[in-house]
Amino acid sequence: MKTWRRLHDTPSLWERYFVREKVIRAIRSFFETEKFHEIETPILISHPPAESYLDVFETTLLDRARRPAKAYLSTSPEVPLKKLMVAGLGNCFAVTKSFRNMETQSNLHNPEFTILEWYRVGADYCDIMKDCERLVAAIVGNGTLTYQRQKIDITGPWEWITVAEAFKKYADVNFDNFLDEKKARGIAAQKGYTLKERTTWEELYNQIFLNEIEPRLGQGKPTIIYEFPAAVAALAKLKKSDPRFAERFEFYIAGLELGDAYSELTDPVEQEERFHAELAEVKRLGKTLYDFDHDFIDALKIGLPTCSGIAVGVDRLVMLLADTADIADTLFFPASEEFDII
């Protein structure tokens, strides 16, 4: 049954869907207090960020003479915000729609979703960890919340654990050994995971992380898991003290991954190298191929200030506050109701 029909037949359901407006009001109020600028970023873009783990929506833009140009739906407001930071914007945030293809057949994903991103100048990822604690408190209020019969104490400080510590604690894996690809294959095989000749180290990592570690995070208390391996560094700075790891973290509440953050990479040469590597992986995986945003590299050459930022799934925050296990229950028009193939 379509959501609008359910709402028509059961008016008591409206309260669950109105949680969204309360969450977004609280987010805007928090960043207004913090003196951040709210920015509207484009949804139709010429170049998505080069990230091999994502599938993009590609379309065609026509001019008045019907001459075509490739266009894409934005996967994130990150690059536009960073360009404006190069121009001198300062601390900023965006609450906007983003689009990622193949994000279907899961109760935690919708191909069209609402994302919150914010960037703090002169900060590193530890500063954003503290922002997360304060933002969630501003949205939820101090004390505890109940999600799917779990009581979660959201007052700070939260649990902070490194990826290496989590692998040892929850999967009994020595991460120094796992960083060696040959040893990682042996560890994964011993655990019973399916390996193919072309299985990459990142795929081995994801199998263990998603199956053995992620469900254990944020139980009883929100968890910040940090120091991700360099192979999954995205646009993050590597740690100077140990470049095998990146200054990146994610935060979880009741097993829900809610945000992904890092100290931002500002080196244009290294960024371009990473983009090329990501697009090579996009090609290897047979995904929609595109070029990276060369204008962004030009912006980095001018100089992105030292900063740190995070992307937070607003729909998942709504799930948490509405106490629902299905993201479709937070959306008036989920893709699962709009498209027969899903």
Foldseek 3Di string as FASTA:
>chain_A
DALVVVCVVPVVLVVLQCLLVLLVVLLVVVVVVVVAAEDDADQKAQFEQLAQVFFWAWDWDADPVGDTGIITGYQDRPLVVLLVLLVPRAKHKYWDWGATPPQDPDLQGFRIAIKIKIKHFPDWLVVVLVVVLVSLCSRPPAAWDAAPNAIAHSHDDFAEEEPQRQCCVFVVDRVVQLLPPVSLVVSLVVVPDDDDPPDDSVNSVCVCCVPTRLQPAQGNYKYKYFFAAPVNQRQFDADPVDNRTTQKIWIDHNSDTFKIKGFGHLQLVVSVVVSVVSQVSNVVVVHDHDHHDVVSSVSSVSNRGGMMMMMGGSLVVSCRNSNHSGSVSNDSGGPVNVDPVD
